[in-house]
Each structure stands twice: as C-alpha cells, then as structure tokens.
C-alpha cells in the first residue's frame, strides 16, 4: 500500500462513517479545501520566503486574511461587529498578536526548512489538537483516533527515507567501490 493510501484510509476512519457510507459532509469538504490551501501555502512560502522580506510578507498575509474573513462574515450573515466589551478587546488583541507571531515564525522557518519537512511538522498539528480537545472534554471514537494516527503516519512515512535508501549515499558508495 502506498503511504498516501494509508493517509486516505485514515481519512475514511476520521469521517466516522466507516466504509459502509463514505460521504463528505459540508464541514468535511471545507476541511479538505482548507488542507489544499495549507499545502499551497507551504509550497508558495517555501518558494518565495528566501526571496522577499519576511516581515512585509507576514503583514500582507495578515491584512489579506483579515479582509477575507470580514468579507466572508458579511456574506454568511454576520453584517455587523459584536458589541464592544473589554474582554472581547483583550481576546482580539491576544489572538492578533499570537497570529502575527505564528505567521512570522512560519515564514522565517520556511526560508530554511524544506517543504517536505514543513509538511511533517504540520502533520503534528492534529496530535496537539486532539490532546487539547481531550483536555477540553471532547471524546473521539476509537476509529476516529485510529484514522488520525493513520493520517499522521502516512504523511511522516511518505517523507521518511532511511539513510541506506538515500540516493546520494548509494552514488557515493558506487564511486568508492569503483
């Protein structure tokens, strides 16, 4: 079985439907589209990060993400902002600072990290999400946990290459033996 197949099998288990009723709900479709968008982000940032000013790119990313969210909120029936409250302001400032720091670190790190290594790092996100979800009281069925594990293992295994399988080592060995 291909490692991508392992990840797909894990996705089937994650849907909670099993093999009897493989179908995608609207939320699952949005999740897949979000995954595609994140994969494209990894590719584009890895390509452009070494060539541009990381701080400027981060500011532009945050501006466009904010504008996109405001536009989508209006289109989906949230035409006005919530009533001001000091707690809301503190939460928004905290989220804004955290988003800026996270995006800046991601952009900086992808200047030096290979896209495939970035994918492996991102594969750890579901592990942390499930851990914090569990701490918050969420209970996933065993099949969904197995599916999540399969997705993470599929991504990691697709990028992992033992030293004895790496082509550059084999080429050096051939030259040494000649």
N, C-alpha and C. Protein backbone atom coordinates (compact mmCIF):
# COMPACT_ATOMS: atom_id res chain seq x y z
N UNK A 1 0.85 -1.18 0.00
CA UNK A 1 0.00 0.00 0.00
C UNK A 1 0.89 1.24 0.00
N UNK A 2 0.53 2.18 -0.82
CA UNK A 2 1.22 3.47 -0.87
C UNK A 2 0.93 4.23 0.42
N UNK A 3 1.88 5.08 0.84
CA UNK A 3 1.68 5.83 2.08
C UNK A 3 0.53 6.81 1.96
N UNK A 4 0.29 7.33 0.76
CA UNK A 4 -0.88 8.18 0.55
C UNK A 4 -2.16 7.41 0.78
N UNK A 5 -2.14 6.12 0.43
CA UNK A 5 -3.30 5.26 0.68
C UNK A 5 -3.56 5.09 2.17
N UNK A 6 -2.49 5.00 2.95
CA UNK A 6 -2.64 4.90 4.40
C UNK A 6 -3.30 6.16 4.95
N UNK A 7 -2.87 7.32 4.45
CA UNK A 7 -3.45 8.58 4.89
C UNK A 7 -4.92 8.66 4.46
N UNK A 8 -5.24 8.20 3.25
CA UNK A 8 -6.63 8.23 2.78
C UNK A 8 -7.50 7.30 3.62
N UNK A 9 -6.98 6.13 3.93
CA UNK A 9 -7.71 5.19 4.78
C UNK A 9 -7.98 5.82 6.14
N UNK A 10 -6.99 6.53 6.66
CA UNK A 10 -7.18 7.25 7.91
C UNK A 10 -8.26 8.31 7.80
N UNK A 11 -8.31 8.98 6.66
CA UNK A 11 -9.35 10.00 6.43
C UNK A 11 -10.73 9.37 6.43
N UNK A 12 -10.85 8.18 5.84
CA UNK A 12 -12.14 7.47 5.84
C UNK A 12 -12.55 7.17 7.28
N UNK A 13 -11.61 6.72 8.10
CA UNK A 13 -11.93 6.44 9.50
C UNK A 13 -12.29 7.71 10.26
N UNK A 14 -11.64 8.81 9.91
CA UNK A 14 -11.91 10.08 10.59
C UNK A 14 -13.31 10.60 10.33
N UNK A 15 -13.88 10.29 9.18
CA UNK A 15 -15.22 10.79 8.87
C UNK A 15 -16.27 10.22 9.81
N UNK A 16 -15.95 9.08 10.42
CA UNK A 16 -16.90 8.48 11.35
C UNK A 16 -17.95 7.63 10.67
N UNK A 17 -17.93 7.60 9.34
CA UNK A 17 -18.93 6.83 8.61
C UNK A 17 -18.47 5.40 8.34
N UNK A 18 -17.17 5.15 8.41
CA UNK A 18 -16.64 3.84 8.05
C UNK A 18 -16.76 3.62 6.55
N UNK A 19 -16.58 2.37 6.13
CA UNK A 19 -16.63 2.06 4.70
C UNK A 19 -18.05 1.89 4.19
N UNK A 20 -19.00 1.70 5.11
CA UNK A 20 -20.39 1.47 4.69
C UNK A 20 -21.03 2.68 4.06
N UNK A 21 -20.63 3.85 4.45
CA UNK A 21 -21.27 5.06 3.94
C UNK A 21 -20.23 6.16 3.77
N UNK A 22 -19.35 5.99 2.80
CA UNK A 22 -18.34 7.01 2.55
C UNK A 22 -19.01 8.19 1.88
N UNK A 23 -19.07 9.29 2.59
CA UNK A 23 -19.65 10.51 2.05
C UNK A 23 -18.98 11.69 2.72
N UNK A 24 -19.06 12.82 2.08
CA UNK A 24 -18.46 14.02 2.63
C UNK A 24 -19.56 14.99 3.03
N UNK A 25 -19.53 15.41 4.28
CA UNK A 25 -20.43 16.46 4.71
C UNK A 25 -19.84 17.80 4.28
N UNK A 26 -20.60 18.86 4.45
CA UNK A 26 -20.12 20.19 4.09
C UNK A 26 -18.88 20.55 4.90
N UNK A 27 -18.89 20.23 6.19
CA UNK A 27 -17.73 20.53 7.03
C UNK A 27 -16.49 19.76 6.61
N UNK A 28 -16.68 18.50 6.23
CA UNK A 28 -15.55 17.69 5.78
C UNK A 28 -15.00 18.21 4.46
N UNK A 29 -15.89 18.66 3.59
CA UNK A 29 -15.45 19.26 2.32
C UNK A 29 -14.64 20.53 2.58
N UNK A 30 -15.11 21.35 3.51
CA UNK A 30 -14.37 22.56 3.87
C UNK A 30 -13.00 22.21 4.45
N UNK A 31 -12.94 21.13 5.23
CA UNK A 31 -11.66 20.69 5.80
C UNK A 31 -10.68 20.29 4.70
N UNK A 32 -11.17 19.55 3.71
CA UNK A 32 -10.31 19.14 2.59
C UNK A 32 -9.83 20.36 1.81
N UNK A 33 -10.75 21.29 1.54
CA UNK A 33 -10.35 22.51 0.83
C UNK A 33 -9.33 23.31 1.65
N UNK A 34 -9.52 23.36 2.96
CA UNK A 34 -8.55 24.03 3.82
C UNK A 34 -7.19 23.36 3.79
N UNK A 35 -7.18 22.03 3.73
CA UNK A 35 -5.92 21.29 3.65
C UNK A 35 -5.19 21.59 2.35
N UNK A 36 -5.95 21.69 1.27
CA UNK A 36 -5.34 22.03 -0.02
C UNK A 36 -4.75 23.44 0.05
N UNK A 37 -5.49 24.36 0.66
CA UNK A 37 -4.99 25.73 0.79
C UNK A 37 -3.72 25.78 1.63
N UNK A 38 -3.66 25.00 2.70
CA UNK A 38 -2.45 24.98 3.53
C UNK A 38 -1.28 24.38 2.77
N UNK A 39 -1.55 23.32 1.98
CA UNK A 39 -0.47 22.73 1.17
C UNK A 39 0.07 23.75 0.18
N UNK A 40 -0.82 24.51 -0.45
CA UNK A 40 -0.38 25.56 -1.38
C UNK A 40 0.40 26.64 -0.64
N UNK A 41 -0.04 26.97 0.58
CA UNK A 41 0.69 27.97 1.37
C UNK A 41 2.12 27.50 1.64
N UNK A 42 2.27 26.23 2.01
CA UNK A 42 3.61 25.69 2.27
C UNK A 42 4.48 25.81 1.02
N UNK A 43 3.91 25.44 -0.11
CA UNK A 43 4.67 25.48 -1.37
C UNK A 43 5.06 26.91 -1.72
N UNK A 44 4.09 27.84 -1.66
CA UNK A 44 4.37 29.22 -2.04
C UNK A 44 5.34 29.90 -1.07
N UNK A 45 5.14 29.69 0.23
CA UNK A 45 6.04 30.32 1.19
C UNK A 45 7.45 29.77 1.02
N UNK A 46 7.57 28.46 0.82
CA UNK A 46 8.90 27.87 0.63
C UNK A 46 9.59 28.43 -0.61
N UNK A 47 8.80 28.73 -1.64
CA UNK A 47 9.38 29.26 -2.87
C UNK A 47 9.77 30.73 -2.72
N UNK A 48 8.86 31.54 -2.12
CA UNK A 48 9.07 32.98 -2.08
C UNK A 48 9.83 33.47 -0.85
N UNK A 49 9.79 32.75 0.27
CA UNK A 49 10.38 33.23 1.52
C UNK A 49 11.84 33.63 1.40
N UNK A 50 12.68 32.86 0.70
CA UNK A 50 14.08 33.28 0.61
C UNK A 50 14.29 34.52 -0.25
N UNK A 51 13.28 34.91 -1.03
CA UNK A 51 13.45 35.99 -2.00
C UNK A 51 12.84 37.32 -1.55
N UNK A 52 12.08 37.33 -0.44
CA UNK A 52 11.36 38.53 -0.04
C UNK A 52 11.62 38.85 1.43
N UNK A 53 11.17 40.04 1.84
CA UNK A 53 11.27 40.46 3.24
C UNK A 53 10.18 39.73 4.03
N UNK A 54 10.59 38.92 4.98
CA UNK A 54 9.66 38.07 5.72
C UNK A 54 8.63 38.89 6.49
N UNK A 55 9.05 39.98 7.10
CA UNK A 55 8.11 40.79 7.88
C UNK A 55 7.04 41.42 7.00
N UNK A 56 7.44 41.91 5.84
CA UNK A 56 6.45 42.52 4.94
C UNK A 56 5.45 41.49 4.44
N UNK A 57 5.94 40.31 4.11
CA UNK A 57 5.04 39.25 3.65
C UNK A 57 4.06 38.87 4.75
N UNK A 58 4.55 38.80 5.98
CA UNK A 58 3.68 38.46 7.11
C UNK A 58 2.59 39.50 7.28
N UNK A 59 2.95 40.78 7.22
CA UNK A 59 1.95 41.85 7.35
C UNK A 59 0.91 41.74 6.24
N UNK A 60 1.36 41.51 5.00
CA UNK A 60 0.41 41.36 3.89
C UNK A 60 -0.50 40.15 4.08
N UNK A 61 0.06 39.04 4.54
CA UNK A 61 -0.76 37.85 4.77
C UNK A 61 -1.84 38.13 5.81
N UNK A 62 -1.47 38.80 6.89
CA UNK A 62 -2.44 39.09 7.95
C UNK A 62 -3.51 40.07 7.48
N UNK A 63 -3.11 41.07 6.70
CA UNK A 63 -4.09 42.03 6.18
C UNK A 63 -5.09 41.33 5.26
N UNK A 64 -4.59 40.54 4.32
CA UNK A 64 -5.49 39.88 3.38
C UNK A 64 -6.36 38.82 4.07
N UNK A 65 -5.81 38.10 5.03
CA UNK A 65 -6.61 37.12 5.77
C UNK A 65 -7.72 37.82 6.56
N UNK A 66 -7.40 38.96 7.17
CA UNK A 66 -8.41 39.72 7.92
C UNK A 66 -9.50 40.23 7.00
N UNK A 67 -9.11 40.82 5.88
CA UNK A 67 -10.10 41.32 4.92
C UNK A 67 -10.99 40.19 4.40
N UNK A 68 -10.38 39.06 4.08
CA UNK A 68 -11.13 37.91 3.59
C UNK A 68 -12.15 37.46 4.64
N UNK A 69 -11.73 37.40 5.90
CA UNK A 69 -12.64 36.98 6.97
C UNK A 69 -13.80 37.96 7.15
N UNK A 70 -13.52 39.26 7.09
CA UNK A 70 -14.59 40.24 7.21
C UNK A 70 -15.57 40.13 6.05
N UNK A 71 -15.07 39.94 4.85
CA UNK A 71 -15.94 39.80 3.67
C UNK A 71 -16.78 38.54 3.79
N UNK A 72 -16.15 37.42 4.17
CA UNK A 72 -16.89 36.16 4.30
C UNK A 72 -17.93 36.24 5.42
N UNK A 73 -17.60 36.92 6.52
CA UNK A 73 -18.56 37.06 7.61
C UNK A 73 -19.80 37.81 7.13
N UNK A 74 -19.60 38.87 6.37
CA UNK A 74 -20.73 39.63 5.84
C UNK A 74 -21.55 38.79 4.87
N UNK A 75 -20.87 38.01 4.04
CA UNK A 75 -21.58 37.18 3.06
C UNK A 75 -22.35 36.04 3.74
N UNK A 76 -21.88 35.59 4.89
CA UNK A 76 -22.52 34.46 5.57
C UNK A 76 -23.49 34.89 6.67
N UNK A 77 -23.85 36.15 6.68
CA UNK A 77 -24.90 36.58 7.59
C UNK A 77 -24.45 37.23 8.89
N UNK A 78 -23.25 37.72 8.95
CA UNK A 78 -22.76 38.46 10.12
C UNK A 78 -22.46 39.89 9.68
N UNK A 79 -23.49 40.69 9.42
CA UNK A 79 -23.26 42.01 8.82
C UNK A 79 -22.66 43.05 9.76
N UNK A 80 -22.71 42.83 11.07
CA UNK A 80 -22.15 43.83 11.97
C UNK A 80 -21.23 43.18 12.99
N UNK A 81 -20.35 44.00 13.52
CA UNK A 81 -19.42 43.52 14.54
C UNK A 81 -20.16 43.35 15.86
N UNK A 82 -19.69 42.46 16.73
CA UNK A 82 -20.33 42.32 18.04
C UNK A 82 -20.16 43.58 18.88
N UNK A 83 -21.01 43.72 19.87
CA UNK A 83 -20.95 44.87 20.76
C UNK A 83 -19.61 44.87 21.51
N UNK A 84 -19.03 46.06 21.65
CA UNK A 84 -17.72 46.17 22.30
C UNK A 84 -17.83 45.78 23.77
N UNK A 85 -16.83 45.03 24.20
CA UNK A 85 -16.69 44.66 25.61
C UNK A 85 -15.19 44.54 25.88
N UNK A 86 -14.72 45.01 27.03
CA UNK A 86 -13.27 44.94 27.31
C UNK A 86 -12.69 43.53 27.19
N UNK A 87 -13.45 42.52 27.61
CA UNK A 87 -12.95 41.15 27.48
C UNK A 87 -12.75 40.77 26.02
N UNK A 88 -13.67 41.20 25.18
CA UNK A 88 -13.57 40.92 23.74
C UNK A 88 -12.33 41.60 23.16
N UNK A 89 -12.07 42.83 23.58
CA UNK A 89 -10.89 43.55 23.09
C UNK A 89 -9.61 42.83 23.50
N UNK A 90 -9.55 42.35 24.74
CA UNK A 90 -8.36 41.62 25.21
C UNK A 90 -8.17 40.34 24.40
N UNK A 91 -9.25 39.63 24.17
CA UNK A 91 -9.17 38.39 23.39
C UNK A 91 -8.71 38.68 21.96
N UNK A 92 -9.27 39.70 21.34
CA UNK A 92 -8.90 40.04 19.96
C UNK A 92 -7.44 40.47 19.86
N UNK A 93 -6.98 41.26 20.81
CA UNK A 93 -5.57 41.68 20.79
C UNK A 93 -4.66 40.47 20.98
N UNK A 94 -5.01 39.60 21.91
CA UNK A 94 -4.22 38.39 22.14
C UNK A 94 -4.17 37.50 20.91
N UNK A 95 -5.33 37.30 20.27
CA UNK A 95 -5.37 36.49 19.06
C UNK A 95 -4.58 37.14 17.92
N UNK A 96 -4.67 38.46 17.82
CA UNK A 96 -3.93 39.17 16.78
C UNK A 96 -2.42 39.04 16.96
N UNK A 97 -1.97 39.22 18.19
CA UNK A 97 -0.53 39.09 18.46
C UNK A 97 -0.07 37.65 18.22
N UNK A 98 -0.84 36.68 18.71
CA UNK A 98 -0.46 35.28 18.51
C UNK A 98 -0.42 34.93 17.02
N UNK A 99 -1.41 35.40 16.26
CA UNK A 99 -1.43 35.12 14.82
C UNK A 99 -0.22 35.74 14.12
N UNK A 100 0.11 36.97 14.50
CA UNK A 100 1.26 37.63 13.87
C UNK A 100 2.56 36.90 14.19
N UNK A 101 2.74 36.52 15.44
CA UNK A 101 3.97 35.82 15.83
C UNK A 101 4.06 34.46 15.14
N UNK A 102 2.96 33.72 15.13
CA UNK A 102 2.96 32.40 14.50
C UNK A 102 3.27 32.51 13.01
N UNK A 103 2.62 33.44 12.32
CA UNK A 103 2.84 33.57 10.88
C UNK A 103 4.26 34.04 10.58
N UNK A 104 4.78 34.94 11.39
CA UNK A 104 6.15 35.41 11.20
C UNK A 104 7.15 34.27 11.39
N UNK A 105 6.96 33.47 12.42
CA UNK A 105 7.86 32.33 12.66
C UNK A 105 7.75 31.31 11.53
N UNK A 106 6.53 31.05 11.06
CA UNK A 106 6.36 30.11 9.94
C UNK A 106 7.07 30.61 8.69
N UNK A 107 6.91 31.87 8.38
CA UNK A 107 7.56 32.43 7.19
C UNK A 107 9.07 32.40 7.32
N UNK A 108 9.57 32.74 8.50
CA UNK A 108 11.01 32.73 8.73
C UNK A 108 11.55 31.30 8.63
N UNK A 109 10.87 30.36 9.26
CA UNK A 109 11.36 28.98 9.29
C UNK A 109 11.36 28.35 7.90
N UNK A 110 10.38 28.70 7.09
CA UNK A 110 10.32 28.10 5.76
C UNK A 110 11.35 28.65 4.80
N UNK A 111 12.11 29.66 5.24
CA UNK A 111 13.27 30.08 4.46
C UNK A 111 14.35 29.01 4.50
N UNK A 112 14.40 28.27 5.61
CA UNK A 112 15.48 27.32 5.81
C UNK A 112 15.01 25.86 5.85
N UNK A 113 13.71 25.62 5.93
CA UNK A 113 13.18 24.26 6.03
C UNK A 113 12.60 23.85 4.68
N UNK A 114 12.90 22.64 4.28
CA UNK A 114 12.39 22.07 3.04
C UNK A 114 10.87 21.90 3.14
N UNK A 115 10.12 22.09 2.04
CA UNK A 115 8.66 21.93 2.10
C UNK A 115 8.21 20.58 2.64
N UNK A 116 8.93 19.52 2.30
CA UNK A 116 8.52 18.20 2.81
C UNK A 116 8.72 18.11 4.32
N UNK A 117 9.77 18.75 4.83
CA UNK A 117 9.97 18.78 6.28
C UNK A 117 8.89 19.63 6.94
N UNK A 118 8.48 20.70 6.29
CA UNK A 118 7.39 21.53 6.83
C UNK A 118 6.10 20.72 6.90
N UNK A 119 5.85 19.88 5.90
CA UNK A 119 4.65 19.04 5.91
C UNK A 119 4.67 18.08 7.10
N UNK A 120 5.84 17.55 7.41
CA UNK A 120 5.95 16.65 8.57
C UNK A 120 5.67 17.42 9.86
N UNK A 121 6.18 18.63 9.95
CA UNK A 121 5.93 19.44 11.14
C UNK A 121 4.44 19.74 11.26
N UNK A 122 3.80 20.10 10.16
CA UNK A 122 2.36 20.36 10.18
C UNK A 122 1.57 19.11 10.51
N UNK A 123 2.10 17.93 10.19
CA UNK A 123 1.40 16.69 10.49
C UNK A 123 1.24 16.49 12.00
N UNK A 124 2.06 17.15 12.79
CA UNK A 124 1.92 17.05 14.24
C UNK A 124 0.77 17.86 14.80
N UNK A 125 0.20 18.75 14.00
CA UNK A 125 -0.88 19.60 14.48
C UNK A 125 -2.09 18.81 14.97
N UNK A 126 -2.55 17.78 14.25
CA UNK A 126 -3.71 17.03 14.76
C UNK A 126 -3.45 16.35 16.10
N UNK A 127 -2.20 15.98 16.34
CA UNK A 127 -1.88 15.36 17.62
C UNK A 127 -2.12 16.35 18.75
N UNK A 128 -1.62 17.56 18.59
CA UNK A 128 -1.81 18.58 19.62
C UNK A 128 -3.28 18.99 19.71
N UNK A 129 -3.96 19.08 18.58
CA UNK A 129 -5.38 19.46 18.60
C UNK A 129 -6.20 18.41 19.35
N UNK A 130 -5.91 17.13 19.10
CA UNK A 130 -6.67 16.09 19.79
C UNK A 130 -6.34 16.07 21.28
N UNK A 131 -5.09 16.33 21.63
CA UNK A 131 -4.71 16.37 23.04
C UNK A 131 -5.45 17.49 23.76
N UNK A 132 -5.44 18.70 23.19
CA UNK A 132 -6.13 19.81 23.84
C UNK A 132 -7.65 19.63 23.79
N UNK A 133 -8.16 19.02 22.70
CA UNK A 133 -9.58 18.71 22.64
C UNK A 133 -9.98 17.74 23.74
N UNK A 134 -9.16 16.75 23.96
CA UNK A 134 -9.42 15.77 25.03
C UNK A 134 -9.41 16.46 26.39
N UNK A 135 -8.44 17.36 26.60
CA UNK A 135 -8.38 18.10 27.87
C UNK A 135 -9.60 18.99 28.05
N UNK A 136 -10.19 19.44 26.93
CA UNK A 136 -11.37 20.30 26.99
C UNK A 136 -12.66 19.50 27.09
N UNK A 137 -12.55 18.17 27.10
CA UNK A 137 -13.74 17.35 27.29
C UNK A 137 -14.26 16.66 26.04
N UNK A 138 -13.63 16.84 24.92
CA UNK A 138 -14.10 16.20 23.69
C UNK A 138 -13.68 14.73 23.69
N UNK A 139 -14.60 13.87 23.28
CA UNK A 139 -14.31 12.44 23.22
C UNK A 139 -14.49 11.95 21.79
N UNK A 140 -13.41 11.48 21.20
CA UNK A 140 -13.46 10.94 19.84
C UNK A 140 -13.59 9.42 19.92
N UNK A 141 -14.35 8.83 18.99
CA UNK A 141 -14.41 7.37 18.96
C UNK A 141 -13.05 6.78 18.61
N UNK A 142 -12.85 5.53 19.00
CA UNK A 142 -11.56 4.87 18.76
C UNK A 142 -11.22 4.83 17.28
N UNK A 143 -12.23 4.64 16.42
CA UNK A 143 -11.98 4.58 14.98
C UNK A 143 -11.47 5.92 14.46
N UNK A 144 -11.99 7.03 14.99
CA UNK A 144 -11.52 8.35 14.57
C UNK A 144 -10.09 8.59 15.05
N UNK A 145 -9.77 8.15 16.26
CA UNK A 145 -8.39 8.27 16.75
C UNK A 145 -7.43 7.45 15.89
N UNK A 146 -7.85 6.23 15.53
CA UNK A 146 -7.03 5.40 14.65
C UNK A 146 -6.85 6.09 13.29
N UNK A 147 -7.92 6.69 12.77
CA UNK A 147 -7.83 7.41 11.50
C UNK A 147 -6.86 8.57 11.56
N UNK A 148 -6.92 9.34 12.64
CA UNK A 148 -5.98 10.45 12.79
C UNK A 148 -4.55 9.98 12.85
N UNK A 149 -4.32 8.89 13.58
CA UNK A 149 -2.98 8.32 13.66
C UNK A 149 -2.50 7.86 12.28
N UNK A 150 -3.40 7.27 11.50
CA UNK A 150 -3.03 6.79 10.17
C UNK A 150 -2.67 7.95 9.24
N UNK A 151 -3.41 9.05 9.34
CA UNK A 151 -3.10 10.23 8.51
C UNK A 151 -1.71 10.75 8.85
N UNK A 152 -1.44 10.92 10.14
CA UNK A 152 -0.14 11.44 10.57
C UNK A 152 0.98 10.49 10.15
N UNK A 153 0.80 9.19 10.38
CA UNK A 153 1.82 8.22 9.99
C UNK A 153 2.01 8.18 8.47
N UNK A 154 0.93 8.32 7.72
CA UNK A 154 1.04 8.35 6.26
C UNK A 154 1.88 9.51 5.77
N UNK A 155 1.67 10.69 6.35
CA UNK A 155 2.45 11.86 5.95
C UNK A 155 3.92 11.69 6.34
N UNK A 156 4.15 11.24 7.55
CA UNK A 156 5.54 11.06 8.01
C UNK A 156 6.25 9.99 7.19
N UNK A 157 5.59 8.86 6.97
CA UNK A 157 6.22 7.76 6.23
C UNK A 157 6.49 8.13 4.78
N UNK A 158 5.64 8.98 4.20
CA UNK A 158 5.86 9.36 2.80
C UNK A 158 7.11 10.21 2.63
N UNK A 159 7.55 10.87 3.69
CA UNK A 159 8.72 11.74 3.61
C UNK A 159 9.97 11.12 4.23
N UNK A 160 9.80 10.07 5.00
CA UNK A 160 10.94 9.47 5.71
C UNK A 160 11.71 8.57 4.77
N UNK A 161 13.00 8.77 4.75
CA UNK A 161 13.88 7.93 3.95
C UNK A 161 15.06 7.52 4.82
N UNK A 162 15.17 6.21 5.10
CA UNK A 162 16.32 5.77 5.89
C UNK A 162 17.62 6.06 5.15
N UNK A 163 18.68 6.16 5.89
CA UNK A 163 19.98 6.51 5.30
C UNK A 163 20.39 5.55 4.20
N UNK A 164 20.11 4.27 4.37
CA UNK A 164 20.56 3.30 3.36
C UNK A 164 19.76 3.39 2.06
N UNK A 165 18.64 4.11 2.05
CA UNK A 165 17.86 4.26 0.83
C UNK A 165 18.10 5.58 0.11
N UNK A 166 18.84 6.47 0.70
CA UNK A 166 19.06 7.78 0.09
C UNK A 166 19.96 7.63 -1.13
N UNK A 167 19.58 8.27 -2.23
CA UNK A 167 20.29 8.08 -3.49
C UNK A 167 21.70 8.64 -3.44
N UNK A 168 21.91 9.77 -2.77
CA UNK A 168 23.26 10.34 -2.77
C UNK A 168 24.24 9.42 -2.06
N UNK A 169 23.79 8.71 -1.04
CA UNK A 169 24.68 7.77 -0.35
C UNK A 169 25.02 6.59 -1.26
N UNK A 170 24.02 6.12 -2.01
CA UNK A 170 24.28 5.00 -2.92
C UNK A 170 25.26 5.39 -4.00
N UNK A 171 25.13 6.61 -4.52
CA UNK A 171 26.04 7.08 -5.57
C UNK A 171 27.47 7.18 -5.04
N UNK A 172 27.62 7.72 -3.82
CA UNK A 172 28.95 7.81 -3.22
C UNK A 172 29.55 6.43 -3.02
N UNK A 173 28.71 5.48 -2.60
CA UNK A 173 29.18 4.12 -2.37
C UNK A 173 29.63 3.48 -3.68
N UNK A 174 28.87 3.72 -4.76
CA UNK A 174 29.26 3.18 -6.07
C UNK A 174 30.61 3.74 -6.51
N UNK A 175 30.81 5.04 -6.30
CA UNK A 175 32.08 5.67 -6.68
C UNK A 175 33.24 5.13 -5.85
N UNK A 176 32.99 4.90 -4.56
CA UNK A 176 34.04 4.36 -3.70
C UNK A 176 34.43 2.95 -4.10
N UNK A 177 33.46 2.17 -4.54
CA UNK A 177 33.73 0.79 -4.92
C UNK A 177 34.39 0.68 -6.29
N UNK A 178 34.26 1.71 -7.11
CA UNK A 178 34.83 1.67 -8.46
C UNK A 178 36.32 1.85 -8.47
